[in-house]
N, C-alpha and C. Protein backbone atom coordinates (compact mmCIF):
# COMPACT_ATOMS: atom_id res chain seq x y z
N MET A 1 23.28 -16.99 9.99
CA MET A 1 21.94 -17.34 10.51
C MET A 1 21.23 -18.41 11.19
N SER A 2 20.64 -18.24 12.36
CA SER A 2 19.92 -19.38 12.60
C SER A 2 18.78 -19.68 11.80
N ASN A 3 18.48 -21.25 12.11
CA ASN A 3 17.57 -21.62 11.56
C ASN A 3 16.21 -20.88 11.42
N GLN A 4 15.95 -20.36 13.03
CA GLN A 4 14.41 -19.80 13.03
C GLN A 4 14.25 -18.63 12.16
N THR A 5 16.02 -17.96 12.20
CA THR A 5 15.61 -16.73 11.34
C THR A 5 15.31 -17.19 9.95
N LYS A 6 16.09 -17.88 9.66
CA LYS A 6 16.05 -18.42 7.69
C LYS A 6 14.54 -18.62 7.73
N GLN A 7 13.90 -19.60 8.49
CA GLN A 7 12.59 -19.77 8.35
C GLN A 7 11.08 -18.42 8.30
N LEU A 8 11.61 -17.56 9.32
CA LEU A 8 10.92 -16.21 9.23
C LEU A 8 10.95 -15.44 8.04
N GLN A 9 12.53 -15.16 7.41
CA GLN A 9 12.42 -15.12 6.22
C GLN A 9 11.50 -15.92 5.13
N LYS A 10 11.76 -17.27 4.87
CA LYS A 10 11.17 -17.80 3.95
C LYS A 10 9.96 -17.62 3.94
N ASN A 11 9.26 -17.61 5.67
CA ASN A 11 7.59 -17.11 5.56
C ASN A 11 7.11 -15.88 5.23
N SER A 12 8.45 -15.36 5.12
CA SER A 12 7.45 -13.81 4.85
C SER A 12 7.66 -13.42 3.05
N GLN A 13 8.19 -14.60 2.63
CA GLN A 13 8.22 -14.47 1.33
C GLN A 13 6.92 -14.72 0.29
N PRO A 14 6.56 -13.97 -0.19
CA PRO A 14 4.70 -14.11 -0.99
C PRO A 14 5.11 -15.64 -1.85
N GLY A 15 4.13 -16.49 -1.70
CA GLY A 15 4.02 -17.21 -2.43
C GLY A 15 3.76 -17.18 -3.66
N ALA A 16 3.76 -17.89 -5.15
CA ALA A 16 3.55 -17.91 -6.47
C ALA A 16 2.67 -17.44 -6.53
N LYS A 17 1.37 -17.96 -6.21
CA LYS A 17 0.00 -17.40 -6.97
C LYS A 17 0.03 -15.88 -6.47
N ARG A 18 0.49 -15.45 -5.13
CA ARG A 18 0.14 -14.20 -4.50
C ARG A 18 1.60 -13.21 -5.65
N ALA A 19 2.51 -13.79 -5.56
CA ALA A 19 3.41 -12.99 -6.48
C ALA A 19 2.84 -12.76 -7.92
N LYS A 20 2.18 -13.69 -8.68
CA LYS A 20 1.51 -13.47 -9.44
C LYS A 20 0.18 -12.34 -9.69
N TYR A 21 -0.51 -12.68 -8.78
CA TYR A 21 -1.97 -11.83 -8.54
C TYR A 21 -1.49 -10.10 -8.27
N VAL A 22 -0.11 -9.80 -7.59
CA VAL A 22 0.94 -9.00 -7.39
C VAL A 22 1.10 -7.98 -8.70
N GLN A 23 2.05 -8.97 -9.41
CA GLN A 23 2.47 -8.84 -10.95
C GLN A 23 1.38 -8.37 -11.73
N ASP A 24 0.24 -8.88 -11.89
CA ASP A 24 -0.95 -8.65 -12.29
C ASP A 24 -1.42 -7.12 -12.66
N ILE A 25 -1.69 -7.17 -11.08
CA ILE A 25 -2.26 -5.58 -10.65
C ILE A 25 -1.17 -4.59 -11.36
N LYS A 26 -0.11 -4.91 -10.80
CA LYS A 26 0.97 -4.09 -11.71
C LYS A 26 0.82 -3.60 -13.20
N GLN A 27 0.80 -4.31 -13.90
CA GLN A 27 1.16 -4.37 -15.15
C GLN A 27 -0.69 -4.05 -15.24
N THR A 28 -1.41 -3.84 -14.71
CA THR A 28 -3.16 -3.32 -15.16
C THR A 28 -2.50 -1.64 -15.00
N ILE A 29 -1.94 -1.52 -13.89
CA ILE A 29 -1.52 0.07 -13.58
C ILE A 29 -0.98 0.50 -14.40
N ASP A 30 0.09 0.07 -14.56
CA ASP A 30 1.35 0.56 -15.63
C ASP A 30 0.41 0.92 -17.00
N SER A 31 -0.60 -0.10 -17.44
CA SER A 31 -0.89 -0.21 -18.90
C SER A 31 -2.32 1.01 -18.80
N GLY A 32 -2.72 1.23 -17.38
CA GLY A 32 -3.85 2.60 -17.40
C GLY A 32 -4.90 2.00 -17.41
N GLU A 33 -5.47 0.43 -17.26
CA GLU A 33 -6.18 -0.05 -17.03
C GLU A 33 -7.01 -0.12 -15.46
N TYR A 34 -6.39 -0.16 -14.66
CA TYR A 34 -6.98 -0.31 -13.38
C TYR A 34 -8.18 0.85 -13.26
N ARG A 35 -9.03 -0.02 -12.57
CA ARG A 35 -10.01 1.06 -11.87
C ARG A 35 -10.44 0.44 -10.79
N VAL A 36 -10.42 1.71 -9.91
CA VAL A 36 -11.15 1.14 -8.67
C VAL A 36 -12.42 1.29 -8.23
N ASN A 37 -12.99 0.38 -7.88
CA ASN A 37 -14.42 0.27 -7.64
C ASN A 37 -14.67 1.01 -6.20
N PRO A 38 -15.29 2.29 -6.22
CA PRO A 38 -15.63 3.27 -5.31
C PRO A 38 -16.42 2.41 -3.93
N GLN A 39 -17.38 1.73 -4.39
CA GLN A 39 -18.48 1.00 -3.43
C GLN A 39 -17.55 0.02 -3.01
N LYS A 40 -16.90 -0.78 -3.63
CA LYS A 40 -16.10 -1.64 -2.50
C LYS A 40 -14.99 -1.20 -1.84
N THR A 41 -14.27 0.02 -2.50
CA THR A 41 -13.33 0.48 -1.56
C THR A 41 -14.48 1.31 -0.12
N ALA A 42 -15.25 2.02 -0.24
CA ALA A 42 -15.97 2.37 0.86
C ALA A 42 -16.50 1.60 2.40
N LYS A 43 -16.97 0.35 1.24
CA LYS A 43 -16.88 -0.73 2.13
C LYS A 43 -16.16 -1.75 3.00
N LYS A 44 -15.05 -1.31 2.29
CA LYS A 44 -13.84 -1.67 3.15
C LYS A 44 -13.33 -0.98 4.04
N MET A 45 -13.76 0.10 3.89
CA MET A 45 -13.12 1.46 4.69
C MET A 45 -14.01 1.60 6.02
N ILE A 46 -15.36 0.93 5.92
CA ILE A 46 -16.27 1.10 6.83
C ILE A 46 -16.26 -0.02 7.30
N ASP A 47 -16.05 -1.25 7.19
CA ASP A 47 -15.53 -2.74 7.50
C ASP A 47 -14.66 -2.55 8.73
N PHE A 48 -13.26 -1.34 8.04
CA PHE A 48 -12.29 -1.72 9.13
C PHE A 48 -12.24 -0.80 10.18
N TRP A 49 -13.04 0.62 10.23
CA TRP A 49 -13.22 1.07 11.18
C TRP A 49 -14.37 0.69 12.04
N LYS A 50 -15.03 -0.01 11.45
CA LYS A 50 -16.08 -0.71 12.73
C LYS A 50 -15.13 -1.49 13.75
N LYS A 51 -14.38 -2.62 13.11
CA LYS A 51 -13.29 -2.86 13.79
C LYS A 51 -12.65 -2.67 15.01
N HIS A 52 -12.27 -1.24 14.74
CA HIS A 52 -11.36 -0.68 15.21
C HIS A 52 -11.61 0.54 16.48
N GLN A 53 -13.18 0.26 16.68
CA GLN A 53 -13.87 1.38 17.46
C GLN A 53 -13.74 1.03 18.99
């Protein structure tokens, strides 16, 4: 592998903080405790579509 390819692979790996965040969410979902905030979800959807018009 070229050094550039190795660097790209390294950069695509999640950092320790992000990996912990994802693991915590997975555990919350698995335990049945994860709750969706419908207002926050709707706002993010609206913001997304406003950017892509």
